[in-house]
Amino acid sequence: MIKTADELALMAEAGRLLAQVFTRLDQLDLIGMNTMQVNDLVEYFIVNDLQSRPASKGQYGYAYVLNSSPNQVVCHGMPSITDVLKEGDIVNFDITLEKNGFIADSSKTYMVGQVAPAARKLVDACYQAMWKGIQAVRPGATLGDVGFAISQYARQHGYSVVRDYCGHGIGREMHEAPEVLHWGMPRTGLRLMEGMVFTIEPMLNQGGHAVQTGQDGWTVRTCDGLLSAQFEHTVAVTDSGVRVLTLRPDETVPH
């Protein structure tokens, strides 16, 4: 669970490369693209430009390099040539990358063209909720502190937090201990220590937190058909706080 300095350096390199994938996606005009086109572009970029491995492909039998989750899809959506993005959609792309034996994991919800104010508000709130969780990370804090910070922010802004899925430890394996819940009570749960690395990846719903898995066994949707958004970063506990290993060039860590 605890990573050495050398391991953290390798994880930081994987995170830096993964951030470049999202910078590449930022350049796309998503309107009219199908999500399989996005998948194939990301695969080519990771393999050929970044000389890395898309860690999701083949994991648990999954056939693609990313999850594509539009609108009411909460997570684990599969790319498809028939899933064409249109003006007003929101879509989360969840991507993993392995370099030198270590994996980084991150996701971002994109707003396609001009979206409705309610959708923009949800996306913005989810992004800020993720940062509230990240800001709670420091040695001696607990996972309950992280979950509470996220859920309190979501609740204050009128959103529910999905409880069926959580963040996770990460390193040589995509999913390691511990589980990182996005709700909780302060001063409860695992106490954080320098060298721990895990993801924080809250999913916020406009309506209730209940979700359902489709017949394909992967795609998770809101039960009430309302919108869902997600953001994710891989973070490391430092001696004095937190380091965001997948931080993108366009981002700044809030203080």
Protein backbone atom coordinates (compact mmCIF):
# COMPACT_ATOMS: atom_id res chain seq x y z
CA MET A 1 0.00 0.00 0.00
CA ILE A 2 2.83 2.42 0.84
CA LYS A 3 4.91 3.43 -2.20
CA THR A 4 8.64 4.10 -2.03
CA ALA A 5 10.15 7.29 -3.40
CA ASP A 6 11.26 5.43 -6.53
CA GLU A 7 7.79 3.97 -7.03
CA LEU A 8 6.19 7.37 -6.55
CA ALA A 9 8.49 8.80 -9.21
CA LEU A 10 7.34 6.14 -11.66
CA MET A 11 3.71 6.76 -10.76
CA ALA A 12 4.19 10.48 -11.27
CA GLU A 13 5.56 9.80 -14.75
CA ALA A 14 2.52 7.66 -15.61
CA GLY A 15 0.30 10.44 -14.27
CA ARG A 16 2.10 13.09 -16.31
CA LEU A 17 1.60 11.08 -19.48
CA LEU A 18 -2.06 10.45 -18.72
CA ALA A 19 -2.59 14.18 -18.25
CA GLN A 20 -1.34 14.62 -21.82
CA VAL A 21 -4.15 12.37 -23.04
CA PHE A 22 -6.75 14.76 -21.65
CA THR A 23 -4.89 17.72 -23.13
CA ARG A 24 -5.24 15.95 -26.48
CA LEU A 25 -8.97 15.40 -25.90
CA ASP A 26 -9.36 19.08 -25.01
CA GLN A 27 -8.37 19.91 -28.60
CA LEU A 28 -11.24 17.92 -30.14
CA ASP A 29 -14.52 19.28 -31.37
CA LEU A 30 -16.61 16.48 -29.94
CA ILE A 31 -19.82 17.48 -31.70
CA GLY A 32 -20.61 14.79 -34.27
CA MET A 33 -17.91 12.39 -33.11
CA ASN A 34 -18.92 8.93 -31.97
CA THR A 35 -17.40 7.61 -28.78
CA MET A 36 -15.62 4.77 -30.57
CA GLN A 37 -13.71 7.38 -32.56
CA VAL A 38 -12.62 8.93 -29.28
CA ASN A 39 -11.60 5.50 -27.97
CA ASP A 40 -9.51 4.75 -31.06
CA LEU A 41 -7.84 8.16 -31.01
CA VAL A 42 -6.91 7.72 -27.34
CA GLU A 43 -5.55 4.23 -27.96
CA TYR A 44 -3.36 5.45 -30.83
CA PHE A 45 -2.10 8.40 -28.77
CA ILE A 46 -1.24 6.30 -25.71
CA VAL A 47 0.46 3.52 -27.66
CA ASN A 48 2.23 5.45 -30.41
CA ASP A 49 2.81 8.98 -29.09
CA LEU A 50 3.30 8.18 -25.41
CA GLN A 51 4.85 4.71 -25.81
CA SER A 52 2.62 3.44 -23.01
CA ARG A 53 -0.09 0.86 -22.41
CA PRO A 54 -3.82 1.61 -22.09
CA ALA A 55 -4.33 -0.30 -18.85
CA SER A 56 -8.13 -0.63 -19.11
CA LYS A 57 -8.00 -2.69 -22.30
CA GLY A 58 -8.33 -6.33 -21.31
CA GLN A 59 -8.86 -5.56 -17.62
CA TYR A 60 -11.67 -7.80 -16.32
CA GLY A 61 -12.38 -8.69 -19.94
CA TYR A 62 -13.09 -5.08 -20.95
CA ALA A 63 -12.44 -4.55 -24.67
CA TYR A 64 -11.73 -0.80 -24.84
CA VAL A 65 -9.18 1.74 -23.64
CA LEU A 66 -11.67 4.07 -21.97
CA ASN A 67 -15.10 4.31 -20.39
CA SER A 68 -17.42 6.71 -22.18
CA SER A 69 -20.35 7.78 -19.99
CA PRO A 70 -22.72 10.39 -21.47
CA ASN A 71 -25.57 12.21 -19.75
CA GLN A 72 -27.48 9.79 -17.49
CA VAL A 73 -24.70 7.16 -17.68
CA VAL A 74 -22.92 7.25 -14.33
CA CYS A 75 -19.85 5.16 -15.16
CA HIS A 76 -18.47 2.20 -17.11
CA GLY A 77 -20.16 3.18 -20.37
CA MET A 78 -18.71 1.44 -23.41
CA PRO A 79 -17.71 3.36 -26.54
CA SER A 80 -19.81 2.71 -29.64
CA ILE A 81 -19.97 3.85 -33.25
CA THR A 82 -23.69 4.51 -32.74
CA ASP A 83 -23.11 6.74 -29.70
CA VAL A 84 -22.72 10.09 -31.49
CA LEU A 85 -22.05 13.13 -29.30
CA LYS A 86 -24.27 16.12 -29.94
CA GLU A 87 -24.52 19.71 -28.81
CA GLY A 88 -25.69 19.91 -25.21
CA ASP A 89 -24.39 16.50 -24.10
CA ILE A 90 -22.10 15.97 -21.17
CA VAL A 91 -19.77 12.95 -21.34
CA ASN A 92 -17.22 11.51 -18.96
CA PHE A 93 -14.09 9.87 -20.34
CA ASP A 94 -12.35 7.63 -17.79
CA ILE A 95 -8.87 6.58 -18.89
CA THR A 96 -5.98 4.58 -17.42
CA LEU A 97 -2.37 4.42 -18.55
CA GLU A 98 0.50 2.13 -17.55
CA LYS A 99 4.13 3.12 -17.92
CA ASN A 100 7.11 1.22 -16.49
CA GLY A 101 4.78 -1.13 -14.61
CA PHE A 102 2.73 1.53 -12.80
CA ILE A 103 -0.79 2.71 -13.55
CA ALA A 104 -2.40 6.15 -13.39
CA ASP A 105 -6.17 6.69 -13.51
CA SER A 106 -8.11 9.88 -14.25
CA SER A 107 -11.40 11.06 -15.71
CA LYS A 108 -13.00 14.28 -16.88
CA THR A 109 -16.56 15.22 -17.79
CA TYR A 110 -16.68 17.22 -21.00
CA MET A 111 -19.45 19.63 -21.94
CA VAL A 112 -20.19 19.23 -25.64
CA GLY A 113 -20.83 22.60 -27.24
CA GLN A 114 -23.33 24.77 -25.40
CA VAL A 115 -24.97 22.84 -22.58
CA ALA A 116 -27.97 23.74 -20.45
CA PRO A 117 -27.22 25.81 -17.33
CA ALA A 118 -28.38 22.96 -15.07
CA ALA A 119 -25.94 20.56 -16.73
CA ARG A 120 -23.07 23.05 -16.46
CA LYS A 121 -23.87 23.59 -12.79
CA LEU A 122 -23.73 19.83 -12.14
CA VAL A 123 -20.40 19.43 -13.94
CA ASP A 124 -18.86 22.40 -12.12
CA ALA A 125 -20.10 21.16 -8.74
CA CYS A 126 -18.71 17.67 -9.34
CA TYR A 127 -15.31 19.10 -10.22
CA GLN A 128 -15.26 21.23 -7.08
CA ALA A 129 -16.44 18.28 -4.95
CA MET A 130 -13.47 16.24 -6.17
CA TRP A 131 -11.13 19.06 -5.13
CA LYS A 132 -12.78 19.29 -1.72
CA GLY A 133 -11.91 15.63 -1.24
CA ILE A 134 -8.36 16.11 -2.48
CA GLN A 135 -7.84 19.07 -0.14
CA ALA A 136 -8.75 16.84 2.82
CA VAL A 137 -5.80 14.51 2.09
CA ARG A 138 -2.83 14.83 4.43
CA PRO A 139 -0.92 12.58 6.83
CA GLY A 140 -3.03 11.86 9.89
CA ALA A 141 -6.34 12.62 8.18
CA THR A 142 -8.78 9.77 7.54
CA LEU A 143 -10.67 8.48 4.54
CA GLY A 144 -13.82 9.55 6.37
CA ASP A 145 -12.54 13.14 6.23
CA VAL A 146 -12.18 12.82 2.45
CA GLY A 147 -15.63 11.34 1.93
CA PHE A 148 -17.28 13.86 4.24
CA ALA A 149 -15.72 16.81 2.42
CA ILE A 150 -17.08 15.53 -0.90
CA SER A 151 -20.56 14.61 0.28
CA GLN A 152 -21.02 17.79 2.29
CA TYR A 153 -20.17 19.95 -0.72
CA ALA A 154 -22.48 17.92 -2.97
CA ARG A 155 -25.35 18.12 -0.50
CA GLN A 156 -24.92 21.86 -0.05
CA HIS A 157 -25.31 22.28 -3.81
CA GLY A 158 -28.32 20.01 -4.14
CA TYR A 159 -26.72 16.86 -5.54
CA SER A 160 -26.47 13.25 -4.41
CA VAL A 161 -23.27 11.20 -4.31
CA VAL A 162 -23.30 7.75 -5.92
CA ARG A 163 -22.57 5.18 -3.23
CA ASP A 164 -22.22 2.03 -5.31
CA TYR A 165 -18.77 2.94 -6.63
CA CYS A 166 -15.69 4.40 -5.01
CA GLY A 167 -12.08 5.40 -5.43
CA HIS A 168 -9.30 2.91 -4.85
CA GLY A 169 -5.67 2.36 -4.17
CA ILE A 170 -3.55 2.11 -7.30
CA GLY A 171 0.00 1.21 -8.29
CA ARG A 172 1.20 -1.89 -10.08
CA GLU A 173 -2.46 -2.97 -10.12
CA MET A 174 -5.35 -0.81 -11.23
CA HIS A 175 -7.37 -1.59 -8.12
CA GLU A 176 -5.53 -1.93 -4.82
CA ALA A 177 -6.48 -1.28 -1.19
CA PRO A 178 -7.96 0.85 0.20
CA GLU A 179 -11.47 1.60 -1.02
CA VAL A 180 -12.04 5.37 -1.02
CA LEU A 181 -15.69 6.17 -0.34
CA HIS A 182 -17.04 9.54 -1.43
CA TRP A 183 -19.11 9.97 1.68
CA GLY A 184 -18.35 9.39 5.34
CA MET A 185 -17.90 10.93 8.74
CA PRO A 186 -14.92 12.99 9.90
CA ARG A 187 -12.19 11.22 11.88
CA THR A 188 -13.42 7.76 10.84
CA GLY A 189 -11.90 5.12 8.61
CA LEU A 190 -8.33 4.42 7.56
CA ARG A 191 -5.75 6.94 8.75
CA LEU A 192 -3.69 8.35 5.88
CA MET A 193 0.08 7.93 5.79
CA GLU A 194 2.80 9.37 3.60
CA GLY A 195 3.32 7.21 0.52
CA MET A 196 -0.28 6.07 0.08
CA VAL A 197 -1.57 6.47 -3.48
CA PHE A 198 -5.24 6.27 -4.43
CA THR A 199 -7.90 7.75 -6.67
CA ILE A 200 -10.60 10.24 -5.71
CA GLU A 201 -13.42 10.02 -8.26
CA PRO A 202 -16.82 11.23 -7.06
CA MET A 203 -19.93 10.76 -9.19
CA LEU A 204 -22.66 13.33 -8.55
CA ASN A 205 -26.27 12.93 -9.67
CA GLN A 206 -28.89 15.61 -10.27
CA GLY A 207 -31.48 13.38 -8.63
CA GLY A 208 -31.21 10.41 -6.29
CA HIS A 209 -28.05 8.36 -5.80
CA ALA A 210 -29.63 5.07 -6.95
CA VAL A 211 -28.08 3.50 -10.05
CA GLN A 212 -28.66 0.41 -12.17
CA THR A 213 -26.41 -1.71 -14.40
CA GLY A 214 -27.55 -2.41 -17.95
CA GLN A 215 -27.89 -5.75 -19.68
CA ASP A 216 -24.37 -5.43 -21.12
CA GLY A 217 -23.04 -5.92 -17.60
CA TRP A 218 -21.04 -2.70 -17.70
CA THR A 219 -23.06 0.45 -18.33
CA VAL A 220 -24.32 2.06 -15.11
CA ARG A 221 -27.15 4.61 -15.35
CA THR A 222 -29.11 6.75 -12.93
CA CYS A 223 -32.37 5.07 -11.96
CA ASP A 224 -34.35 8.30 -12.38
CA GLY A 225 -32.89 9.17 -15.79
CA LEU A 226 -31.35 12.43 -14.60
CA LEU A 227 -27.82 13.57 -15.38
CA SER A 228 -24.65 12.35 -13.68
CA ALA A 229 -21.10 13.74 -13.77
CA GLN A 230 -17.72 12.47 -12.59
CA PHE A 231 -14.15 13.68 -12.19
CA GLU A 232 -11.11 11.72 -11.02
CA HIS A 233 -7.49 12.21 -10.11
CA THR A 234 -4.79 9.90 -8.79
CA VAL A 235 -3.22 11.40 -5.66
CA ALA A 236 -0.34 10.63 -3.32
CA VAL A 237 -0.11 11.46 0.37
CA THR A 238 3.03 13.52 0.97
CA ASP A 239 4.82 14.41 4.19
CA SER A 240 2.86 17.65 4.40
CA GLY A 241 -0.29 17.15 2.32
CA VAL A 242 -1.16 15.81 -1.11
CA ARG A 243 0.33 15.60 -4.59
CA VAL A 244 -1.98 15.23 -7.58
CA LEU A 245 -0.14 12.82 -9.87
CA THR A 246 -2.52 13.26 -12.82
CA LEU A 247 -2.74 17.06 -12.66
CA ARG A 248 -3.31 18.53 -16.12
CA PRO A 249 -1.40 21.59 -17.40
CA ASP A 250 -4.59 23.67 -17.42
CA GLU A 251 -5.30 22.94 -13.75
CA THR A 252 -4.13 24.58 -10.56
CA VAL A 253 -4.46 23.01 -7.13
CA PRO A 254 -6.88 25.07 -4.99
CA HIS A 255 -5.58 26.48 -1.71
